[in-house]
Amino acid sequence: MMKTTLVFALLIAAPATAGTFTPPEGCTAFLTVQSRQCRVSNYYKCSGDAPGDQWRQDFDQEGVFFKSRIDAETQWIESYDLNPTVKQTLDPGAEDPASFSDLTGIGIDTFAFGLSKETGEQTRVRGFDKLTGKSLVIDGVTLKQTEFEFTETDTEGNVLRQSRGNEFISPEWRTFFSGPSEWDDGTGYVPLDGSPVQFILPGEPKFGSTQPLFDCDTVVSQSSVGRDILPVAMRP
């Protein structure tokens, strides 16, 4: 939730032309990922951020709906659910900070941290990421498979949502990509799969695209599975 439309305009980069992503001034896009569940994500880095920080903006058929910044250890520094805009930030002094270095170095990373929204809502997230030992190649990119599980609660310990399943990581890009999982918002687990399908680099056709390509007809027809419960919204 931004205070003014001016701040909103500075935070959200508007496409320069229909279907083309342009990062904010001082930032450079380095990757476009077309995924299942009718989503395309554009990744970029900004010169004014701490070394290792990176941003991602997610688009569906209606346009951009999510934006986030992570650090070099994939800690969720800040995120924005859009339409309407609600900002969420990582609380300082995490009990067990997320560590991409632990995950890639010893094969497992546990985490426990707090999140706060500008609306005043505070939640706690606890879980783990673990390498399964399996690797796979998607569109020429080698990824490592992970197993994960997390639970998000309110400050009194009541479970708000939880998820479990598999994801993929790229040690080179130091980021996570969605995979086959189950998501429960309190009404029971729903199977989802937002796995990447295409990785598009600068200079390649469709780099910077904001038009998703895969599973869009399926997502539209399944009204019970929408942008509000995609597990990627819980992952930076």
Protein backbone atom coordinates (compact mmCIF):
# COMPACT_ATOMS: atom_id res chain seq x y z
CA MET A 1 0.00 0.00 0.00
CA MET A 2 1.73 3.16 -1.18
CA LYS A 3 0.91 6.57 0.25
CA THR A 4 0.74 8.43 -3.05
CA THR A 5 0.42 7.67 -6.71
CA LEU A 6 3.79 9.35 -7.23
CA VAL A 7 5.56 6.81 -5.02
CA PHE A 8 3.66 4.04 -6.79
CA ALA A 9 4.84 5.32 -10.16
CA LEU A 10 8.45 5.33 -8.99
CA LEU A 11 8.26 1.78 -7.67
CA ILE A 12 6.46 0.09 -10.54
CA ALA A 13 8.10 0.21 -13.94
CA ALA A 14 5.50 0.67 -16.66
CA PRO A 15 6.04 -1.18 -19.94
CA ALA A 16 7.59 1.04 -22.59
CA THR A 17 5.45 -0.62 -25.25
CA ALA A 18 2.69 -3.20 -25.06
CA GLY A 19 4.12 -6.45 -23.78
CA THR A 20 7.65 -5.13 -23.12
CA PHE A 21 9.16 -4.73 -19.65
CA THR A 22 11.47 -1.81 -18.91
CA PRO A 23 13.19 -1.78 -15.50
CA PRO A 24 13.28 1.40 -13.40
CA GLU A 25 16.01 3.96 -14.02
CA GLY A 26 19.36 2.77 -12.72
CA CYS A 27 18.36 -0.89 -13.03
CA THR A 28 19.26 -3.59 -15.55
CA ALA A 29 17.12 -6.57 -16.50
CA PHE A 30 19.01 -9.86 -16.75
CA LEU A 31 16.42 -12.62 -17.10
CA THR A 32 12.88 -13.33 -18.29
CA VAL A 33 11.21 -16.58 -17.21
CA GLN A 34 8.05 -17.98 -18.77
CA SER A 35 6.40 -20.35 -16.29
CA ARG A 36 3.40 -22.58 -15.98
CA GLN A 37 0.26 -21.22 -14.27
CA CYS A 38 0.15 -18.35 -16.80
CA ARG A 39 2.99 -16.29 -15.36
CA VAL A 40 6.01 -14.51 -16.81
CA SER A 41 8.64 -12.97 -14.52
CA ASN A 42 11.25 -10.34 -15.26
CA TYR A 43 14.36 -10.16 -13.07
CA TYR A 44 16.57 -7.10 -12.65
CA LYS A 45 19.26 -5.53 -10.48
CA CYS A 46 19.61 -1.89 -9.43
CA SER A 47 22.83 0.04 -8.92
CA GLY A 48 21.54 1.71 -5.76
CA ASP A 49 20.85 -1.56 -3.93
CA ALA A 50 23.19 -3.63 -1.78
CA PRO A 51 25.45 -6.03 -3.70
CA GLY A 52 23.59 -9.25 -4.47
CA ASP A 53 20.10 -7.76 -4.23
CA GLN A 54 17.74 -8.53 -7.09
CA TRP A 55 14.15 -7.70 -8.03
CA ARG A 56 11.43 -9.66 -9.76
CA GLN A 57 8.14 -8.56 -11.28
CA ASP A 58 5.45 -11.12 -12.10
CA PHE A 59 2.86 -10.67 -14.85
CA ASP A 60 -0.29 -12.59 -15.73
CA GLN A 61 -2.81 -11.95 -18.49
CA GLU A 62 -4.07 -8.83 -16.69
CA GLY A 63 -0.63 -7.29 -16.20
CA VAL A 64 1.84 -6.98 -13.32
CA PHE A 65 0.54 -8.36 -10.03
CA PHE A 66 3.56 -8.94 -7.80
CA LYS A 67 6.98 -7.39 -7.20
CA SER A 68 9.72 -8.33 -4.74
CA ARG A 69 13.33 -7.74 -3.73
CA ILE A 70 15.62 -10.37 -2.24
CA ASP A 71 19.19 -10.16 -1.03
CA ALA A 72 22.18 -12.37 -1.84
CA GLU A 73 20.96 -14.98 0.67
CA THR A 74 17.45 -14.90 -0.86
CA GLN A 75 15.99 -13.23 2.22
CA TRP A 76 12.67 -11.58 1.39
CA ILE A 77 13.57 -7.91 1.92
CA GLU A 78 10.37 -6.38 0.56
CA SER A 79 7.45 -7.30 -1.65
CA TYR A 80 4.39 -5.71 -3.16
CA ASP A 81 1.08 -7.38 -3.91
CA LEU A 82 -0.48 -5.13 -6.52
CA ASN A 83 -4.02 -4.11 -7.48
CA PRO A 84 -4.42 -2.89 -4.77
CA THR A 85 -0.85 -2.28 -3.68
CA VAL A 86 0.17 -3.72 -0.30
CA LYS A 87 3.81 -3.57 0.80
CA GLN A 88 5.33 -6.23 3.04
CA THR A 89 8.82 -6.10 4.56
CA LEU A 90 11.13 -8.42 6.44
CA ASP A 91 11.30 -7.69 10.15
CA PRO A 92 14.80 -7.02 11.55
CA GLY A 93 16.47 -9.55 13.81
CA ALA A 94 15.20 -12.79 12.26
CA GLU A 95 15.31 -15.78 14.60
CA ASP A 96 16.78 -17.93 11.82
CA PRO A 97 17.55 -15.95 8.65
CA ALA A 98 17.17 -17.67 5.30
CA SER A 99 20.57 -18.68 3.91
CA PHE A 100 21.09 -19.63 0.27
CA SER A 101 24.72 -20.32 1.16
CA ASP A 102 23.68 -22.96 3.70
CA LEU A 103 21.32 -24.56 1.22
CA THR A 104 23.95 -24.87 -1.50
CA GLY A 105 26.81 -25.57 0.93
CA ILE A 106 25.39 -28.19 3.31
CA GLY A 107 22.20 -29.13 1.46
CA ILE A 108 19.62 -27.76 3.89
CA ASP A 109 18.51 -24.40 5.26
CA THR A 110 15.97 -23.77 8.00
CA PHE A 111 14.36 -20.38 8.46
CA ALA A 112 12.21 -18.49 10.93
CA PHE A 113 11.44 -14.81 10.46
CA GLY A 114 8.76 -12.16 10.75
CA LEU A 115 6.98 -10.13 8.08
CA SER A 116 5.09 -6.86 8.45
CA LYS A 117 2.63 -5.17 6.12
CA GLU A 118 1.97 -1.45 5.94
CA THR A 119 -1.60 -2.28 6.98
CA GLY A 120 -0.23 -3.29 10.38
CA GLU A 121 -0.56 -7.05 9.87
CA GLN A 122 2.36 -9.05 11.27
CA THR A 123 3.05 -12.70 10.56
CA ARG A 124 5.70 -15.31 11.30
CA VAL A 125 7.14 -17.76 8.76
CA ARG A 126 8.94 -20.97 9.68
CA GLY A 127 10.16 -23.82 7.49
CA PHE A 128 13.01 -25.37 5.54
CA ASP A 129 14.53 -25.83 2.09
CA LYS A 130 16.49 -29.00 1.35
CA LEU A 131 18.32 -30.23 -1.73
CA THR A 132 16.98 -33.56 -3.00
CA GLY A 133 20.18 -34.44 -4.84
CA LYS A 134 18.40 -34.32 -8.18
CA SER A 135 19.16 -31.92 -11.03
CA LEU A 136 17.29 -31.30 -14.24
CA VAL A 137 17.73 -29.24 -17.37
CA ILE A 138 14.93 -26.87 -18.41
CA ASP A 139 15.39 -24.97 -21.66
CA GLY A 140 19.13 -25.53 -21.51
CA VAL A 141 19.50 -24.35 -17.89
CA THR A 142 20.63 -26.80 -15.22
CA LEU A 143 18.67 -26.44 -11.97
CA LYS A 144 18.87 -28.22 -8.64
CA GLN A 145 15.66 -29.58 -7.14
CA THR A 146 14.69 -28.75 -3.58
CA GLU A 147 12.11 -30.01 -1.14
CA PHE A 148 10.46 -27.32 0.98
CA GLU A 149 7.85 -26.79 3.62
CA PHE A 150 6.74 -23.65 5.43
CA THR A 151 3.96 -22.39 7.67
CA GLU A 152 2.88 -18.80 8.12
CA THR A 153 1.09 -17.85 11.36
CA ASP A 154 -0.21 -14.71 12.97
CA THR A 155 1.49 -13.32 16.06
CA GLU A 156 -0.66 -15.56 18.28
CA GLY A 157 0.39 -18.72 16.46
CA ASN A 158 -2.76 -19.30 14.42
CA VAL A 159 -1.96 -20.91 11.07
CA LEU A 160 -2.81 -18.63 8.15
CA ARG A 161 -1.33 -20.58 5.25
CA GLN A 162 1.14 -23.32 4.56
CA SER A 163 2.82 -24.96 1.60
CA ARG A 164 4.98 -27.97 0.79
CA GLY A 165 6.49 -29.56 -2.27
CA ASN A 166 9.42 -29.04 -4.60
CA GLU A 167 11.12 -26.01 -6.08
CA PHE A 168 14.24 -25.41 -8.15
CA ILE A 169 17.28 -23.24 -7.54
CA SER A 170 19.94 -21.71 -9.75
CA PRO A 171 23.27 -21.31 -7.92
CA GLU A 172 24.39 -18.99 -10.74
CA TRP A 173 21.45 -16.59 -10.42
CA ARG A 174 21.05 -17.27 -6.67
CA THR A 175 17.30 -17.53 -6.82
CA PHE A 176 14.41 -19.96 -6.48
CA PHE A 177 11.91 -21.03 -9.12
CA SER A 178 8.53 -22.58 -8.38
CA GLY A 179 7.81 -26.27 -8.86
CA PRO A 180 5.08 -28.81 -8.15
CA SER A 181 3.66 -28.12 -4.70
CA GLU A 182 0.60 -28.02 -2.48
CA TRP A 183 -0.83 -24.82 -1.00
CA ASP A 184 -3.28 -24.53 1.89
CA ASP A 185 -4.91 -21.23 2.83
CA GLY A 186 -7.07 -22.87 5.50
CA THR A 187 -9.49 -24.60 3.16
CA GLY A 188 -7.36 -27.65 2.37
CA TYR A 189 -4.35 -28.36 0.19
CA VAL A 190 -4.56 -27.45 -3.49
CA PRO A 191 -2.00 -28.88 -5.97
CA LEU A 192 -0.20 -26.28 -8.07
CA ASP A 193 2.73 -26.25 -10.45
CA GLY A 194 4.35 -22.96 -11.45
CA SER A 195 7.51 -24.57 -12.85
CA PRO A 196 9.64 -22.59 -15.30
CA VAL A 197 9.35 -23.52 -18.98
CA GLN A 198 11.55 -21.01 -20.80
CA PHE A 199 14.57 -18.97 -19.71
CA ILE A 200 15.16 -15.94 -21.93
CA LEU A 201 18.38 -13.94 -21.76
CA PRO A 202 19.16 -10.41 -22.97
CA GLY A 203 19.34 -10.27 -26.75
CA GLU A 204 17.14 -13.33 -27.25
CA PRO A 205 13.67 -13.10 -28.79
CA LYS A 206 10.91 -12.35 -26.24
CA PHE A 207 13.36 -11.07 -23.61
CA GLY A 208 11.42 -8.61 -21.44
CA SER A 209 8.04 -10.02 -22.45
CA THR A 210 5.11 -9.29 -20.14
CA GLN A 211 2.76 -11.72 -21.88
CA PRO A 212 2.57 -15.19 -20.26
CA LEU A 213 2.45 -18.14 -22.63
CA PHE A 214 1.73 -21.34 -20.72
CA ASP A 215 -1.41 -22.74 -19.04
CA CYS A 216 -3.29 -19.47 -19.38
CA ASP A 217 -6.53 -21.04 -20.60
CA THR A 218 -6.30 -23.61 -17.78
CA VAL A 219 -5.77 -20.96 -15.09
CA VAL A 220 -8.67 -18.87 -16.34
CA SER A 221 -10.99 -21.89 -16.32
CA GLN A 222 -10.01 -22.91 -12.77
CA SER A 223 -11.57 -20.14 -10.71
CA SER A 224 -10.44 -21.79 -7.47
CA VAL A 225 -6.79 -21.31 -8.42
CA GLY A 226 -5.96 -17.64 -8.84
CA ARG A 227 -3.18 -15.19 -8.29
CA ASP A 228 -3.96 -14.86 -4.58
CA ILE A 229 -2.92 -18.44 -3.75
CA LEU A 230 -0.03 -19.05 -6.10
CA PRO A 231 2.83 -20.34 -3.95
CA VAL A 232 5.26 -18.02 -5.74
CA ALA A 233 3.59 -15.18 -3.86
CA MET A 234 5.13 -16.59 -0.68
CA ARG A 235 8.55 -16.91 -2.20
CA PRO A 236 10.73 -13.94 -3.05
